Amino acid sequence: MRIVSGKYKGRIFRPSGKIPARPTTDFAKENLFNILENQCELQGAEALDLFAGTGNISFEFISRGCARVTAVEKGSRQIQFIHRVMKTLEIDNLKVIKKDVFRFIDAHPGTFDIIFADPPYQMEGREQLPELIVESQLLSPGGVFILEHDKHLTLPDTTNLSDQRKYGTVHFSFFSAPSKNHPS
């Protein structure tokens, strides 16, 4: 896992082979953040990383200036790795929550400017995440939700889908928050 840009650019961390995770590739991650930097202000933003795994995306958010990042992950080994990297980098604006993502969505108050989700590609119900995020009101007005997925995922029709990109086998679907004047 390599941080590709920002304050911690070039830092490399090697998670144990015992961690069941599929980190976003550097190529896909670099392109994702190029898009985000053109769509929204990362500096000072509040970001949410769902299915955080090794914290790959969380650390990129922190490195690029997000004020606060919340990482939700239920795997103990993944959380231990994230805490180890946080300690090494002396990061204090990353909050790690050990919880099932769907339970977090149902129960979490507050909003985020950017929400990223990278569920396991074979996980049942992952196609419902955009609708759940919108209904939960976790996304701030003007915010963006990004779902990482494979080519086999069929998303339900939604007016909030604003963009889709493909980088090798990695697909990103971008969803915009509904405006306050036009609830979905």
Protein backbone atom coordinates (compact mmCIF):
# COMPACT_ATOMS: atom_id res chain seq x y z
CA MET A 1 0.00 0.00 0.00
CA ARG A 2 1.46 3.32 -1.10
CA ILE A 3 0.21 6.83 -0.42
CA VAL A 4 0.33 8.46 -3.85
CA SER A 5 0.09 12.17 -3.07
CA GLY A 6 -0.02 14.86 -0.42
CA LYS A 7 1.68 15.17 2.94
CA TYR A 8 2.60 11.47 3.16
CA LYS A 9 3.33 10.95 -0.54
CA GLY A 10 5.50 7.94 -1.25
CA ARG A 11 5.08 6.30 2.16
CA ILE A 12 4.73 2.54 1.77
CA PHE A 13 3.12 0.17 4.26
CA ARG A 14 2.92 -3.56 3.84
CA PRO A 15 -0.10 -5.22 5.42
CA SER A 16 0.26 -8.79 6.60
CA GLY A 17 -0.79 -11.47 4.14
CA LYS A 18 -3.28 -12.54 6.80
CA ILE A 19 -5.40 -9.45 6.17
CA PRO A 20 -8.26 -10.34 3.83
CA ALA A 21 -8.42 -7.15 1.78
CA ARG A 22 -8.25 -6.04 -1.83
CA PRO A 23 -6.69 -2.58 -1.66
CA THR A 24 -7.53 -0.17 -4.47
CA THR A 25 -4.66 -0.19 -6.96
CA ASP A 26 -2.33 2.83 -7.05
CA PHE A 27 -3.36 3.50 -10.67
CA ALA A 28 -7.08 3.50 -9.86
CA LYS A 29 -6.54 5.45 -6.62
CA GLU A 30 -4.49 8.16 -8.35
CA ASN A 31 -7.20 8.60 -10.99
CA LEU A 32 -9.95 8.60 -8.37
CA PHE A 33 -8.29 11.39 -6.42
CA ASN A 34 -7.59 13.40 -9.60
CA ILE A 35 -11.34 13.33 -10.25
CA LEU A 36 -12.16 14.21 -6.64
CA GLU A 37 -9.74 17.14 -6.59
CA ASN A 38 -11.53 18.55 -9.65
CA GLN A 39 -15.03 17.93 -8.24
CA CYS A 40 -14.71 18.98 -4.63
CA GLU A 41 -12.46 20.60 -2.06
CA LEU A 42 -10.51 17.94 -0.18
CA GLN A 43 -8.74 20.50 2.01
CA GLY A 44 -10.76 20.68 5.21
CA ALA A 45 -13.37 18.14 4.09
CA GLU A 46 -14.91 15.47 6.28
CA ALA A 47 -14.66 12.04 4.66
CA LEU A 48 -16.10 8.62 5.40
CA ASP A 49 -14.37 5.42 4.26
CA LEU A 50 -16.75 2.44 4.39
CA PHE A 51 -15.27 -1.09 4.27
CA ALA A 52 -11.94 0.58 5.03
CA GLY A 53 -9.84 -2.59 4.85
CA THR A 54 -6.20 -1.54 5.22
CA GLY A 55 -7.14 2.16 5.41
CA ASN A 56 -5.64 2.75 1.96
CA ILE A 57 -8.25 5.36 0.98
CA SER A 58 -8.48 6.86 4.49
CA PHE A 59 -4.74 7.58 4.53
CA GLU A 60 -4.95 9.14 1.06
CA PHE A 61 -7.78 11.42 2.30
CA ILE A 62 -5.66 12.45 5.31
CA SER A 63 -2.56 12.96 3.18
CA ARG A 64 -4.47 15.24 0.82
CA GLY A 65 -5.76 17.53 3.57
CA CYS A 66 -9.12 16.25 4.77
CA ALA A 67 -9.86 17.69 8.20
CA ARG A 68 -11.39 14.52 9.57
CA VAL A 69 -11.78 11.00 8.26
CA THR A 70 -13.92 8.23 9.70
CA ALA A 71 -13.03 4.66 8.70
CA VAL A 72 -15.58 1.90 9.25
CA GLU A 73 -14.29 -1.67 9.24
CA LYS A 74 -15.35 -4.78 11.13
CA GLY A 75 -12.17 -6.85 10.71
CA SER A 76 -9.87 -6.87 13.76
CA ARG A 77 -6.67 -7.45 11.77
CA GLN A 78 -7.49 -4.60 9.41
CA ILE A 79 -8.19 -2.27 12.33
CA GLN A 80 -4.92 -3.23 14.03
CA PHE A 81 -3.06 -2.43 10.80
CA ILE A 82 -4.80 0.95 10.45
CA HIS A 83 -3.89 1.82 14.05
CA ARG A 84 -0.27 0.82 13.43
CA VAL A 85 -0.02 3.11 10.39
CA MET A 86 -1.76 5.94 12.29
CA LYS A 87 0.83 5.64 15.04
CA THR A 88 3.73 5.59 12.56
CA LEU A 89 2.42 8.70 10.76
CA GLU A 90 1.28 10.37 14.00
CA ILE A 91 -2.24 10.85 12.65
CA ASP A 92 -4.86 12.11 15.09
CA ASN A 93 -7.69 13.10 12.76
CA LEU A 94 -8.67 9.58 11.68
CA LYS A 95 -11.41 7.89 13.69
CA VAL A 96 -11.66 4.12 13.26
CA ILE A 97 -14.98 2.46 14.05
CA LYS A 98 -15.25 -1.31 14.35
CA LYS A 99 -18.74 -1.98 13.08
CA ASP A 100 -20.72 -3.57 10.29
CA VAL A 101 -21.13 -0.90 7.60
CA PHE A 102 -24.87 -1.41 7.19
CA ARG A 103 -25.41 -0.98 10.94
CA PHE A 104 -23.24 2.13 10.88
CA ILE A 105 -25.31 3.62 8.05
CA ASP A 106 -28.54 2.92 9.97
CA ALA A 107 -27.36 4.45 13.23
CA HIS A 108 -24.81 7.20 12.56
CA PRO A 109 -25.84 10.82 13.04
CA GLY A 110 -23.98 13.53 11.16
CA THR A 111 -22.91 14.13 7.60
CA PHE A 112 -19.82 13.84 5.43
CA ASP A 113 -18.63 15.80 2.39
CA ILE A 114 -17.19 12.70 0.72
CA ILE A 115 -18.15 9.08 1.26
CA PHE A 116 -16.18 6.23 -0.28
CA ALA A 117 -17.26 2.58 -0.16
CA ASP A 118 -15.26 -0.41 -1.35
CA PRO A 119 -17.34 -3.44 -0.34
CA PRO A 120 -16.20 -6.98 -1.13
CA TYR A 121 -17.02 -7.56 -4.80
CA GLN A 122 -19.11 -10.65 -4.02
CA MET A 123 -21.02 -9.14 -1.09
CA GLU A 124 -24.80 -9.39 -1.29
CA GLY A 125 -26.63 -6.05 -1.16
CA ARG A 126 -23.72 -3.85 -2.26
CA GLU A 127 -25.79 -2.49 -5.15
CA GLN A 128 -28.15 -0.91 -2.59
CA LEU A 129 -25.42 1.24 -1.00
CA PRO A 130 -26.11 4.40 -3.08
CA GLU A 131 -29.78 4.39 -2.07
CA LEU A 132 -28.96 3.62 1.58
CA ILE A 133 -26.43 6.48 1.70
CA VAL A 134 -28.94 8.96 0.24
CA GLU A 135 -31.77 7.80 2.52
CA SER A 136 -29.55 7.94 5.61
CA GLN A 137 -28.68 11.58 4.88
CA LEU A 138 -25.02 10.84 5.66
CA LEU A 139 -23.97 12.81 2.59
CA SER A 140 -23.81 16.59 2.96
CA PRO A 141 -25.61 18.75 0.38
CA GLY A 142 -23.15 19.10 -2.50
CA GLY A 143 -21.28 16.01 -1.33
CA VAL A 144 -20.16 13.04 -3.37
CA PHE A 145 -20.48 9.30 -2.78
CA ILE A 146 -18.12 6.95 -4.62
CA LEU A 147 -18.75 3.23 -4.90
CA GLU A 148 -15.86 1.02 -6.01
CA HIS A 149 -17.02 -2.17 -7.71
CA ASP A 150 -16.31 -4.71 -10.41
CA LYS A 151 -17.88 -4.84 -13.87
CA HIS A 152 -20.51 -7.36 -12.77
CA LEU A 153 -22.37 -5.03 -10.42
CA THR A 154 -25.73 -3.84 -11.71
CA LEU A 155 -26.80 -0.64 -10.01
CA PRO A 156 -30.47 0.25 -9.63
CA ASP A 157 -31.70 3.22 -11.65
CA THR A 158 -30.92 6.41 -9.78
CA THR A 159 -31.01 10.05 -10.70
CA ASN A 160 -28.08 10.71 -8.38
CA LEU A 161 -25.55 8.79 -10.52
CA SER A 162 -23.31 11.52 -11.91
CA ASP A 163 -20.33 9.66 -13.41
CA GLN A 164 -18.75 6.25 -13.92
CA ARG A 165 -15.09 5.47 -14.58
CA LYS A 166 -13.14 2.28 -15.25
CA TYR A 167 -9.46 1.69 -14.47
CA GLY A 168 -8.46 -1.85 -15.36
CA THR A 169 -10.78 -4.13 -13.37
CA VAL A 170 -11.73 -1.33 -10.95
CA HIS A 171 -14.93 0.60 -11.57
CA PHE A 172 -15.98 3.76 -9.73
CA SER A 173 -19.56 5.04 -9.72
CA PHE A 174 -20.02 8.62 -8.49
CA PHE A 175 -23.25 9.81 -6.92
CA SER A 176 -24.12 13.38 -6.01
CA ALA A 177 -26.11 14.37 -2.96
CA PRO A 178 -29.64 15.49 -3.73
CA SER A 179 -30.08 19.22 -3.35
CA LYS A 180 -32.03 20.54 -0.36
CA ASN A 181 -34.69 21.93 -2.71
CA HIS A 182 -35.22 18.64 -4.54
CA PRO A 183 -35.45 15.65 -2.23
CA SER A 184 -35.24 12.24 -3.87
